[in-house]
ModelCIF file with pLDDT and N, C-alpha, C, O atoms, coordinates in Angstrom:
data_MODEL
#
_entry.id   MODEL 
#
_entity.id                         1 
_entity.type                       polymer 
_entity.pdbx_number_of_molecules   1 
#
_entity_poly.entity_id                      1 
_entity_poly.type                           'polypeptide(L)' 
_entity_poly.nstd_linkage                   no 
_entity_poly.nstd_monomer                   no 
_entity_poly.pdbx_seq_one_letter_code       LFFGYYPIVKSLLEKLKLRFLEWALKLLIFNVAMVSAYFLLINLFG 
_entity_poly.pdbx_seq_one_letter_code_can   LFFGYYPIVKSLLEKLKLRFLEWALKLLIFNVAMVSAYFLLINLFG 
_entity_poly.pdbx_strand_id                 A 
#
loop_
_entity_poly_seq.entity_id 
_entity_poly_seq.num 
_entity_poly_seq.mon_id 
_entity_poly_seq.hetero 
1 1  LEU n 
1 2  PHE n 
1 3  PHE n 
1 4  GLY n 
1 5  TYR n 
1 6  TYR n 
1 7  PRO n 
1 8  ILE n 
1 9  VAL n 
1 10 LYS n 
1 11 SER n 
1 12 LEU n 
1 13 LEU n 
1 14 GLU n 
1 15 LYS n 
1 16 LEU n 
1 17 LYS n 
1 18 LEU n 
1 19 ARG n 
1 20 PHE n 
1 21 LEU n 
1 22 GLU n 
1 23 TRP n 
1 24 ALA n 
1 25 LEU n 
1 26 LYS n 
1 27 LEU n 
1 28 LEU n 
1 29 ILE n 
1 30 PHE n 
1 31 ASN n 
1 32 VAL n 
1 33 ALA n 
1 34 MET n 
1 35 VAL n 
1 36 SER n 
1 37 ALA n 
1 38 TYR n 
1 39 PHE n 
1 40 LEU n 
1 41 LEU n 
1 42 ILE n 
1 43 ASN n 
1 44 LEU n 
1 45 PHE n 
1 46 GLY n 
#
_struct_asym.id          A 
_struct_asym.entity_id   1 
#
loop_
_ma_qa_metric.id 
_ma_qa_metric.mode 
_ma_qa_metric.name 
_ma_qa_metric.software_group_id 
_ma_qa_metric.type 
1 global pLDDT . pLDDT 
2 local  pLDDT . pLDDT 
#
_ma_qa_metric_global.metric_id      1 
_ma_qa_metric_global.metric_value   91.17 
_ma_qa_metric_global.model_id       1 
_ma_qa_metric_global.ordinal_id     1 
#
loop_
_ma_qa_metric_local.label_asym_id 
_ma_qa_metric_local.label_comp_id 
_ma_qa_metric_local.label_seq_id 
_ma_qa_metric_local.metric_id 
_ma_qa_metric_local.metric_value 
_ma_qa_metric_local.model_id 
_ma_qa_metric_local.ordinal_id 
A LEU 1  2 95.00 1 1  
A PHE 2  2 96.00 1 2  
A PHE 3  2 96.00 1 3  
A GLY 4  2 96.00 1 4  
A TYR 5  2 96.00 1 5  
A TYR 6  2 97.00 1 6  
A PRO 7  2 95.00 1 7  
A ILE 8  2 95.00 1 8  
A VAL 9  2 96.00 1 9  
A LYS 10 2 96.00 1 10 
A SER 11 2 91.00 1 11 
A LEU 12 2 93.00 1 12 
A LEU 13 2 96.00 1 13 
A GLU 14 2 94.00 1 14 
A LYS 15 2 93.00 1 15 
A LEU 16 2 93.00 1 16 
A LYS 17 2 91.00 1 17 
A LEU 18 2 95.00 1 18 
A ARG 19 2 93.00 1 19 
A PHE 20 2 95.00 1 20 
A LEU 21 2 96.00 1 21 
A GLU 22 2 96.00 1 22 
A TRP 23 2 97.00 1 23 
A ALA 24 2 97.00 1 24 
A LEU 25 2 97.00 1 25 
A LYS 26 2 97.00 1 26 
A LEU 27 2 97.00 1 27 
A LEU 28 2 97.00 1 28 
A ILE 29 2 97.00 1 29 
A PHE 30 2 96.00 1 30 
A ASN 31 2 95.00 1 31 
A VAL 32 2 95.00 1 32 
A ALA 33 2 95.00 1 33 
A MET 34 2 90.00 1 34 
A VAL 35 2 88.00 1 35 
A SER 36 2 91.00 1 36 
A ALA 37 2 87.00 1 37 
A TYR 38 2 80.00 1 38 
A PHE 39 2 82.00 1 39 
A LEU 40 2 85.00 1 40 
A LEU 41 2 80.00 1 41 
A ILE 42 2 78.00 1 42 
A ASN 43 2 78.00 1 43 
A LEU 44 2 76.00 1 44 
A PHE 45 2 67.00 1 45 
A GLY 46 2 68.00 1 46 
#
loop_
_atom_site.group_PDB 
_atom_site.id 
_atom_site.type_symbol 
_atom_site.label_atom_id 
_atom_site.label_alt_id 
_atom_site.label_comp_id 
_atom_site.label_asym_id 
_atom_site.label_entity_id 
_atom_site.label_seq_id 
_atom_site.pdbx_PDB_ins_code 
_atom_site.Cartn_x 
_atom_site.Cartn_y 
_atom_site.Cartn_z 
_atom_site.occupancy 
_atom_site.B_iso_or_equiv 
_atom_site.pdbx_formal_charge 
_atom_site.auth_seq_id 
_atom_site.auth_comp_id 
_atom_site.auth_asym_id 
_atom_site.auth_atom_id 
_atom_site.pdbx_PDB_model_num 
ATOM 1   N N  . LEU A 1 1  ? 110.637 80.358  90.108 1.00 95.00 ? 1  LEU A N  1 
ATOM 2   C CA . LEU A 1 1  ? 110.179 81.631  89.555 1.00 95.00 ? 1  LEU A CA 1 
ATOM 3   C C  . LEU A 1 1  ? 110.940 82.863  90.049 1.00 95.00 ? 1  LEU A C  1 
ATOM 4   O O  . LEU A 1 1  ? 110.747 83.964  89.533 1.00 95.00 ? 1  LEU A O  1 
ATOM 5   N N  . PHE A 1 2  ? 111.810 82.672  91.052 1.00 96.00 ? 2  PHE A N  1 
ATOM 6   C CA . PHE A 1 2  ? 112.594 83.834  91.474 1.00 96.00 ? 2  PHE A CA 1 
ATOM 7   C C  . PHE A 1 2  ? 113.946 83.494  92.095 1.00 96.00 ? 2  PHE A C  1 
ATOM 8   O O  . PHE A 1 2  ? 114.983 83.832  91.524 1.00 96.00 ? 2  PHE A O  1 
ATOM 9   N N  . PHE A 1 3  ? 113.956 82.842  93.235 1.00 96.00 ? 3  PHE A N  1 
ATOM 10  C CA . PHE A 1 3  ? 115.181 82.698  94.015 1.00 96.00 ? 3  PHE A CA 1 
ATOM 11  C C  . PHE A 1 3  ? 116.293 81.937  93.296 1.00 96.00 ? 3  PHE A C  1 
ATOM 12  O O  . PHE A 1 3  ? 117.468 82.145  93.597 1.00 96.00 ? 3  PHE A O  1 
ATOM 13  N N  . GLY A 1 4  ? 115.952 81.077  92.373 1.00 96.00 ? 4  GLY A N  1 
ATOM 14  C CA . GLY A 1 4  ? 116.959 80.304  91.673 1.00 96.00 ? 4  GLY A CA 1 
ATOM 15  C C  . GLY A 1 4  ? 117.705 81.077  90.603 1.00 96.00 ? 4  GLY A C  1 
ATOM 16  O O  . GLY A 1 4  ? 118.931 81.011  90.518 1.00 96.00 ? 4  GLY A O  1 
ATOM 17  N N  . TYR A 1 5  ? 116.967 81.806  89.789 1.00 96.00 ? 5  TYR A N  1 
ATOM 18  C CA . TYR A 1 5  ? 117.630 82.502  88.678 1.00 96.00 ? 5  TYR A CA 1 
ATOM 19  C C  . TYR A 1 5  ? 118.032 83.934  89.025 1.00 96.00 ? 5  TYR A C  1 
ATOM 20  O O  . TYR A 1 5  ? 118.921 84.491  88.380 1.00 96.00 ? 5  TYR A O  1 
ATOM 21  N N  . TYR A 1 6  ? 117.399 84.541  90.029 1.00 97.00 ? 6  TYR A N  1 
ATOM 22  C CA . TYR A 1 6  ? 117.691 85.951  90.301 1.00 97.00 ? 6  TYR A CA 1 
ATOM 23  C C  . TYR A 1 6  ? 119.166 86.214  90.611 1.00 97.00 ? 6  TYR A C  1 
ATOM 24  O O  . TYR A 1 6  ? 119.715 87.180  90.082 1.00 97.00 ? 6  TYR A O  1 
ATOM 25  N N  . PRO A 1 7  ? 119.835 85.410  91.435 1.00 95.00 ? 7  PRO A N  1 
ATOM 26  C CA . PRO A 1 7  ? 121.259 85.694  91.676 1.00 95.00 ? 7  PRO A CA 1 
ATOM 27  C C  . PRO A 1 7  ? 122.108 85.643  90.400 1.00 95.00 ? 7  PRO A C  1 
ATOM 28  O O  . PRO A 1 7  ? 123.142 86.306  90.318 1.00 95.00 ? 7  PRO A O  1 
ATOM 29  N N  . ILE A 1 8  ? 121.681 84.870  89.421 1.00 95.00 ? 8  ILE A N  1 
ATOM 30  C CA . ILE A 1 8  ? 122.406 84.796  88.151 1.00 95.00 ? 8  ILE A CA 1 
ATOM 31  C C  . ILE A 1 8  ? 122.116 86.046  87.317 1.00 95.00 ? 8  ILE A C  1 
ATOM 32  O O  . ILE A 1 8  ? 123.029 86.671  86.777 1.00 95.00 ? 8  ILE A O  1 
ATOM 33  N N  . VAL A 1 9  ? 120.845 86.396  87.224 1.00 96.00 ? 9  VAL A N  1 
ATOM 34  C CA . VAL A 1 9  ? 120.425 87.561  86.431 1.00 96.00 ? 9  VAL A CA 1 
ATOM 35  C C  . VAL A 1 9  ? 120.907 88.864  87.067 1.00 96.00 ? 9  VAL A C  1 
ATOM 36  O O  . VAL A 1 9  ? 121.181 89.839  86.367 1.00 96.00 ? 9  VAL A O  1 
ATOM 37  N N  . LYS A 1 10 ? 121.005 88.875  88.380 1.00 96.00 ? 10 LYS A N  1 
ATOM 38  C CA . LYS A 1 10 ? 121.440 90.074  89.117 1.00 96.00 ? 10 LYS A CA 1 
ATOM 39  C C  . LYS A 1 10 ? 122.770 90.594  88.579 1.00 96.00 ? 10 LYS A C  1 
ATOM 40  O O  . LYS A 1 10 ? 122.935 91.797  88.373 1.00 96.00 ? 10 LYS A O  1 
ATOM 41  N N  . SER A 1 11 ? 123.697 89.702  88.359 1.00 91.00 ? 11 SER A N  1 
ATOM 42  C CA . SER A 1 11 ? 125.013 90.153  87.892 1.00 91.00 ? 11 SER A CA 1 
ATOM 43  C C  . SER A 1 11 ? 124.932 90.753  86.479 1.00 91.00 ? 11 SER A C  1 
ATOM 44  O O  . SER A 1 11 ? 125.715 91.636  86.131 1.00 91.00 ? 11 SER A O  1 
ATOM 45  N N  . LEU A 1 12 ? 123.997 90.275  85.683 1.00 93.00 ? 12 LEU A N  1 
ATOM 46  C CA . LEU A 1 12 ? 123.805 90.862  84.354 1.00 93.00 ? 12 LEU A CA 1 
ATOM 47  C C  . LEU A 1 12 ? 123.186 92.252  84.463 1.00 93.00 ? 12 LEU A C  1 
ATOM 48  O O  . LEU A 1 12 ? 123.586 93.178  83.757 1.00 93.00 ? 12 LEU A O  1 
ATOM 49  N N  . LEU A 1 13 ? 122.209 92.388  85.352 1.00 96.00 ? 13 LEU A N  1 
ATOM 50  C CA . LEU A 1 13 ? 121.553 93.684  85.531 1.00 96.00 ? 13 LEU A CA 1 
ATOM 51  C C  . LEU A 1 13 ? 122.519 94.736  86.073 1.00 96.00 ? 13 LEU A C  1 
ATOM 52  O O  . LEU A 1 13 ? 122.397 95.922  85.765 1.00 96.00 ? 13 LEU A O  1 
ATOM 53  N N  . GLU A 1 14 ? 123.465 94.295  86.870 1.00 94.00 ? 14 GLU A N  1 
ATOM 54  C CA . GLU A 1 14 ? 124.398 95.247  87.473 1.00 94.00 ? 14 GLU A CA 1 
ATOM 55  C C  . GLU A 1 14 ? 125.442 95.760  86.483 1.00 94.00 ? 14 GLU A C  1 
ATOM 56  O O  . GLU A 1 14 ? 126.249 96.624  86.826 1.00 94.00 ? 14 GLU A O  1 
ATOM 57  N N  . LYS A 1 15 ? 125.431 95.239  85.270 1.00 93.00 ? 15 LYS A N  1 
ATOM 58  C CA . LYS A 1 15 ? 126.317 95.753  84.226 1.00 93.00 ? 15 LYS A CA 1 
ATOM 59  C C  . LYS A 1 15 ? 125.710 96.975  83.534 1.00 93.00 ? 15 LYS A C  1 
ATOM 60  O O  . LYS A 1 15 ? 126.387 97.656  82.764 1.00 93.00 ? 15 LYS A O  1 
ATOM 61  N N  . LEU A 1 16 ? 124.433 97.250  83.809 1.00 93.00 ? 16 LEU A N  1 
ATOM 62  C CA . LEU A 1 16 ? 123.783 98.430  83.230 1.00 93.00 ? 16 LEU A CA 1 
ATOM 63  C C  . LEU A 1 16 ? 124.432 99.696  83.778 1.00 93.00 ? 16 LEU A C  1 
ATOM 64  O O  . LEU A 1 16 ? 124.842 99.741  84.938 1.00 93.00 ? 16 LEU A O  1 
ATOM 65  N N  . LYS A 1 17 ? 124.519 100.698 82.956 1.00 91.00 ? 17 LYS A N  1 
ATOM 66  C CA . LYS A 1 17 ? 125.163 101.956 83.352 1.00 91.00 ? 17 LYS A CA 1 
ATOM 67  C C  . LYS A 1 17 ? 124.263 102.800 84.259 1.00 91.00 ? 17 LYS A C  1 
ATOM 68  O O  . LYS A 1 17 ? 124.750 103.468 85.171 1.00 91.00 ? 17 LYS A O  1 
ATOM 69  N N  . LEU A 1 18 ? 122.965 102.770 84.010 1.00 95.00 ? 18 LEU A N  1 
ATOM 70  C CA . LEU A 1 18 ? 122.032 103.596 84.773 1.00 95.00 ? 18 LEU A CA 1 
ATOM 71  C C  . LEU A 1 18 ? 121.532 102.836 85.998 1.00 95.00 ? 18 LEU A C  1 
ATOM 72  O O  . LEU A 1 18 ? 120.866 101.810 85.861 1.00 95.00 ? 18 LEU A O  1 
ATOM 73  N N  . ARG A 1 19 ? 121.843 103.326 87.178 1.00 93.00 ? 19 ARG A N  1 
ATOM 74  C CA . ARG A 1 19 ? 121.416 102.680 88.429 1.00 93.00 ? 19 ARG A CA 1 
ATOM 75  C C  . ARG A 1 19 ? 119.890 102.649 88.547 1.00 93.00 ? 19 ARG A C  1 
ATOM 76  O O  . ARG A 1 19 ? 119.316 101.668 89.021 1.00 93.00 ? 19 ARG A O  1 
ATOM 77  N N  . PHE A 1 20 ? 119.247 103.723 88.114 1.00 95.00 ? 20 PHE A N  1 
ATOM 78  C CA . PHE A 1 20 ? 117.787 103.772 88.183 1.00 95.00 ? 20 PHE A CA 1 
ATOM 79  C C  . PHE A 1 20 ? 117.175 102.638 87.362 1.00 95.00 ? 20 PHE A C  1 
ATOM 80  O O  . PHE A 1 20 ? 116.260 101.955 87.824 1.00 95.00 ? 20 PHE A O  1 
ATOM 81  N N  . LEU A 1 21 ? 117.673 102.443 86.163 1.00 96.00 ? 21 LEU A N  1 
ATOM 82  C CA . LEU A 1 21 ? 117.165 101.382 85.292 1.00 96.00 ? 21 LEU A CA 1 
ATOM 83  C C  . LEU A 1 21 ? 117.451 100.011 85.895 1.00 96.00 ? 21 LEU A C  1 
ATOM 84  O O  . LEU A 1 21 ? 116.604 99.119  85.857 1.00 96.00 ? 21 LEU A O  1 
ATOM 85  N N  . GLU A 1 22 ? 118.649 99.850  86.449 1.00 96.00 ? 22 GLU A N  1 
ATOM 86  C CA . GLU A 1 22 ? 119.014 98.587  87.090 1.00 96.00 ? 22 GLU A CA 1 
ATOM 87  C C  . GLU A 1 22 ? 118.023 98.240  88.197 1.00 96.00 ? 22 GLU A C  1 
ATOM 88  O O  . GLU A 1 22 ? 117.499 97.127  88.236 1.00 96.00 ? 22 GLU A O  1 
ATOM 89  N N  . TRP A 1 23 ? 117.766 99.191  89.095 1.00 97.00 ? 23 TRP A N  1 
ATOM 90  C CA . TRP A 1 23 ? 116.856 98.926  90.214 1.00 97.00 ? 23 TRP A CA 1 
ATOM 91  C C  . TRP A 1 23 ? 115.405 98.793  89.754 1.00 97.00 ? 23 TRP A C  1 
ATOM 92  O O  . TRP A 1 23 ? 114.645 98.005  90.317 1.00 97.00 ? 23 TRP A O  1 
ATOM 93  N N  . ALA A 1 24 ? 115.022 99.551  88.743 1.00 97.00 ? 24 ALA A N  1 
ATOM 94  C CA . ALA A 1 24 ? 113.655 99.426  88.219 1.00 97.00 ? 24 ALA A CA 1 
ATOM 95  C C  . ALA A 1 24 ? 113.440 98.019  87.659 1.00 97.00 ? 24 ALA A C  1 
ATOM 96  O O  . ALA A 1 24 ? 112.395 97.410  87.891 1.00 97.00 ? 24 ALA A O  1 
ATOM 97  N N  . LEU A 1 25 ? 114.422 97.505  86.927 1.00 97.00 ? 25 LEU A N  1 
ATOM 98  C CA . LEU A 1 25 ? 114.309 96.149  86.379 1.00 97.00 ? 25 LEU A CA 1 
ATOM 99  C C  . LEU A 1 25 ? 114.336 95.089  87.477 1.00 97.00 ? 25 LEU A C  1 
ATOM 100 O O  . LEU A 1 25 ? 113.595 94.108  87.418 1.00 97.00 ? 25 LEU A O  1 
ATOM 101 N N  . LYS A 1 26 ? 115.184 95.289  88.466 1.00 97.00 ? 26 LYS A N  1 
ATOM 102 C CA . LYS A 1 26 ? 115.245 94.332  89.581 1.00 97.00 ? 26 LYS A CA 1 
ATOM 103 C C  . LYS A 1 26 ? 113.898 94.262  90.307 1.00 97.00 ? 26 LYS A C  1 
ATOM 104 O O  . LYS A 1 26 ? 113.390 93.178  90.592 1.00 97.00 ? 26 LYS A O  1 
ATOM 105 N N  . LEU A 1 27 ? 113.333 95.427  90.600 1.00 97.00 ? 27 LEU A N  1 
ATOM 106 C CA . LEU A 1 27 ? 112.045 95.461  91.299 1.00 97.00 ? 27 LEU A CA 1 
ATOM 107 C C  . LEU A 1 27 ? 110.923 94.906  90.421 1.00 97.00 ? 27 LEU A C  1 
ATOM 108 O O  . LEU A 1 27 ? 110.017 94.239  90.921 1.00 97.00 ? 27 LEU A O  1 
ATOM 109 N N  . LEU A 1 28 ? 110.978 95.174  89.136 1.00 97.00 ? 28 LEU A N  1 
ATOM 110 C CA . LEU A 1 28 ? 109.984 94.626  88.216 1.00 97.00 ? 28 LEU A CA 1 
ATOM 111 C C  . LEU A 1 28 ? 110.062 93.098  88.193 1.00 97.00 ? 28 LEU A C  1 
ATOM 112 O O  . LEU A 1 28 ? 109.042 92.415  88.283 1.00 97.00 ? 28 LEU A O  1 
ATOM 113 N N  . ILE A 1 29 ? 111.276 92.576  88.074 1.00 97.00 ? 29 ILE A N  1 
ATOM 114 C CA . ILE A 1 29 ? 111.454 91.115  88.075 1.00 97.00 ? 29 ILE A CA 1 
ATOM 115 C C  . ILE A 1 29 ? 110.918 90.517  89.365 1.00 97.00 ? 29 ILE A C  1 
ATOM 116 O O  . ILE A 1 29 ? 110.196 89.521  89.337 1.00 97.00 ? 29 ILE A O  1 
ATOM 117 N N  . PHE A 1 30 ? 111.269 91.121  90.494 1.00 96.00 ? 30 PHE A N  1 
ATOM 118 C CA . PHE A 1 30 ? 110.796 90.611  91.783 1.00 96.00 ? 30 PHE A CA 1 
ATOM 119 C C  . PHE A 1 30 ? 109.272 90.605  91.866 1.00 96.00 ? 30 PHE A C  1 
ATOM 120 O O  . PHE A 1 30 ? 108.674 89.592  92.227 1.00 96.00 ? 30 PHE A O  1 
ATOM 121 N N  . ASN A 1 31 ? 108.647 91.727  91.534 1.00 95.00 ? 31 ASN A N  1 
ATOM 122 C CA . ASN A 1 31 ? 107.192 91.831  91.674 1.00 95.00 ? 31 ASN A CA 1 
ATOM 123 C C  . ASN A 1 31 ? 106.451 90.905  90.715 1.00 95.00 ? 31 ASN A C  1 
ATOM 124 O O  . ASN A 1 31 ? 105.472 90.266  91.102 1.00 95.00 ? 31 ASN A O  1 
ATOM 125 N N  . VAL A 1 32 ? 106.906 90.828  89.474 1.00 95.00 ? 32 VAL A N  1 
ATOM 126 C CA . VAL A 1 32 ? 106.274 89.918  88.511 1.00 95.00 ? 32 VAL A CA 1 
ATOM 127 C C  . VAL A 1 32 ? 106.444 88.473  88.973 1.00 95.00 ? 32 VAL A C  1 
ATOM 128 O O  . VAL A 1 32 ? 105.507 87.678  88.895 1.00 95.00 ? 32 VAL A O  1 
ATOM 129 N N  . ALA A 1 33 ? 107.631 88.139  89.450 1.00 95.00 ? 33 ALA A N  1 
ATOM 130 C CA . ALA A 1 33 ? 107.891 86.775  89.911 1.00 95.00 ? 33 ALA A CA 1 
ATOM 131 C C  . ALA A 1 33 ? 107.027 86.416  91.108 1.00 95.00 ? 33 ALA A C  1 
ATOM 132 O O  . ALA A 1 33 ? 106.458 85.325  91.147 1.00 95.00 ? 33 ALA A O  1 
ATOM 133 N N  . MET A 1 34 ? 106.916 87.303  92.081 1.00 90.00 ? 34 MET A N  1 
ATOM 134 C CA . MET A 1 34 ? 106.135 86.992  93.285 1.00 90.00 ? 34 MET A CA 1 
ATOM 135 C C  . MET A 1 34 ? 104.640 86.883  92.978 1.00 90.00 ? 34 MET A C  1 
ATOM 136 O O  . MET A 1 34 ? 103.966 85.964  93.444 1.00 90.00 ? 34 MET A O  1 
ATOM 137 N N  . VAL A 1 35 ? 104.138 87.817  92.202 1.00 88.00 ? 35 VAL A N  1 
ATOM 138 C CA . VAL A 1 35 ? 102.712 87.760  91.845 1.00 88.00 ? 35 VAL A CA 1 
ATOM 139 C C  . VAL A 1 35 ? 102.438 86.492  91.030 1.00 88.00 ? 35 VAL A C  1 
ATOM 140 O O  . VAL A 1 35 ? 101.440 85.809  91.260 1.00 88.00 ? 35 VAL A O  1 
ATOM 141 N N  . SER A 1 36 ? 103.312 86.183  90.093 1.00 91.00 ? 36 SER A N  1 
ATOM 142 C CA . SER A 1 36 ? 103.140 84.969  89.275 1.00 91.00 ? 36 SER A CA 1 
ATOM 143 C C  . SER A 1 36 ? 103.227 83.710  90.129 1.00 91.00 ? 36 SER A C  1 
ATOM 144 O O  . SER A 1 36 ? 102.427 82.789  89.965 1.00 91.00 ? 36 SER A O  1 
ATOM 145 N N  . ALA A 1 37 ? 104.193 83.670  91.038 1.00 87.00 ? 37 ALA A N  1 
ATOM 146 C CA . ALA A 1 37 ? 104.383 82.492  91.887 1.00 87.00 ? 37 ALA A CA 1 
ATOM 147 C C  . ALA A 1 37 ? 103.141 82.231  92.728 1.00 87.00 ? 37 ALA A C  1 
ATOM 148 O O  . ALA A 1 37 ? 102.653 81.102  92.781 1.00 87.00 ? 37 ALA A O  1 
ATOM 149 N N  . TYR A 1 38 ? 102.636 83.249  93.375 1.00 80.00 ? 38 TYR A N  1 
ATOM 150 C CA . TYR A 1 38 ? 101.477 83.038  94.241 1.00 80.00 ? 38 TYR A CA 1 
ATOM 151 C C  . TYR A 1 38 ? 100.194 82.828  93.448 1.00 80.00 ? 38 TYR A C  1 
ATOM 152 O O  . TYR A 1 38 ? 99.289  82.132  93.909 1.00 80.00 ? 38 TYR A O  1 
ATOM 153 N N  . PHE A 1 39 ? 100.108 83.420  92.265 1.00 82.00 ? 39 PHE A N  1 
ATOM 154 C CA . PHE A 1 39 ? 98.966  83.137  91.396 1.00 82.00 ? 39 PHE A CA 1 
ATOM 155 C C  . PHE A 1 39 ? 98.955  81.653  91.024 1.00 82.00 ? 39 PHE A C  1 
ATOM 156 O O  . PHE A 1 39 ? 97.914  80.999  91.087 1.00 82.00 ? 39 PHE A O  1 
ATOM 157 N N  . LEU A 1 40 ? 100.124 81.125  90.635 1.00 85.00 ? 40 LEU A N  1 
ATOM 158 C CA . LEU A 1 40 ? 100.227 79.695  90.301 1.00 85.00 ? 40 LEU A CA 1 
ATOM 159 C C  . LEU A 1 40 ? 99.950  78.806  91.506 1.00 85.00 ? 40 LEU A C  1 
ATOM 160 O O  . LEU A 1 40 ? 99.225  77.817  91.405 1.00 85.00 ? 40 LEU A O  1 
ATOM 161 N N  . LEU A 1 41 ? 100.528 79.163  92.635 1.00 80.00 ? 41 LEU A N  1 
ATOM 162 C CA . LEU A 1 41 ? 100.342 78.344  93.834 1.00 80.00 ? 41 LEU A CA 1 
ATOM 163 C C  . LEU A 1 41 ? 98.878  78.275  94.244 1.00 80.00 ? 41 LEU A C  1 
ATOM 164 O O  . LEU A 1 41 ? 98.393  77.222  94.657 1.00 80.00 ? 41 LEU A O  1 
ATOM 165 N N  . ILE A 1 42 ? 98.188  79.378  94.132 1.00 78.00 ? 42 ILE A N  1 
ATOM 166 C CA . ILE A 1 42 ? 96.779  79.417  94.552 1.00 78.00 ? 42 ILE A CA 1 
ATOM 167 C C  . ILE A 1 42 ? 95.878  78.783  93.502 1.00 78.00 ? 42 ILE A C  1 
ATOM 168 O O  . ILE A 1 42 ? 94.996  77.994  93.840 1.00 78.00 ? 42 ILE A O  1 
ATOM 169 N N  . ASN A 1 43 ? 96.088  79.114  92.242 1.00 78.00 ? 43 ASN A N  1 
ATOM 170 C CA . ASN A 1 43 ? 95.162  78.662  91.196 1.00 78.00 ? 43 ASN A CA 1 
ATOM 171 C C  . ASN A 1 43 ? 95.525  77.330  90.552 1.00 78.00 ? 43 ASN A C  1 
ATOM 172 O O  . ASN A 1 43 ? 94.634  76.552  90.212 1.00 78.00 ? 43 ASN A O  1 
ATOM 173 N N  . LEU A 1 44 ? 96.814  77.053  90.378 1.00 76.00 ? 44 LEU A N  1 
ATOM 174 C CA . LEU A 1 44 ? 97.217  75.807  89.733 1.00 76.00 ? 44 LEU A CA 1 
ATOM 175 C C  . LEU A 1 44 ? 97.414  74.678  90.745 1.00 76.00 ? 44 LEU A C  1 
ATOM 176 O O  . LEU A 1 44 ? 96.974  73.549  90.526 1.00 76.00 ? 44 LEU A O  1 
ATOM 177 N N  . PHE A 1 45 ? 98.080  74.998  91.852 1.00 67.00 ? 45 PHE A N  1 
ATOM 178 C CA . PHE A 1 45 ? 98.362  73.980  92.852 1.00 67.00 ? 45 PHE A CA 1 
ATOM 179 C C  . PHE A 1 45 ? 97.297  73.912  93.948 1.00 67.00 ? 45 PHE A C  1 
ATOM 180 O O  . PHE A 1 45 ? 97.365  73.050  94.824 1.00 67.00 ? 45 PHE A O  1 
ATOM 181 N N  . GLY A 1 46 ? 96.324  74.805  93.904 1.00 68.00 ? 46 GLY A N  1 
ATOM 182 C CA . GLY A 1 46 ? 95.205  74.763  94.833 1.00 68.00 ? 46 GLY A CA 1 
ATOM 183 C C  . GLY A 1 46 ? 95.557  75.094  96.276 1.00 68.00 ? 46 GLY A C  1 
ATOM 184 O O  . GLY A 1 46 ? 94.682  75.087  97.142 1.00 68.00 ? 46 GLY A O  1 
#
């Protein structure tokens, strides 16, 4: 949900012209991934 694909997606995000947008998307991806990962771990995997 994060560590595997993020290094690949990171290089795509860094092609954006606006640094603010780049970092906003990076932080959004991180937060959504972490919340989703722990939600799954707690609720699906018990």
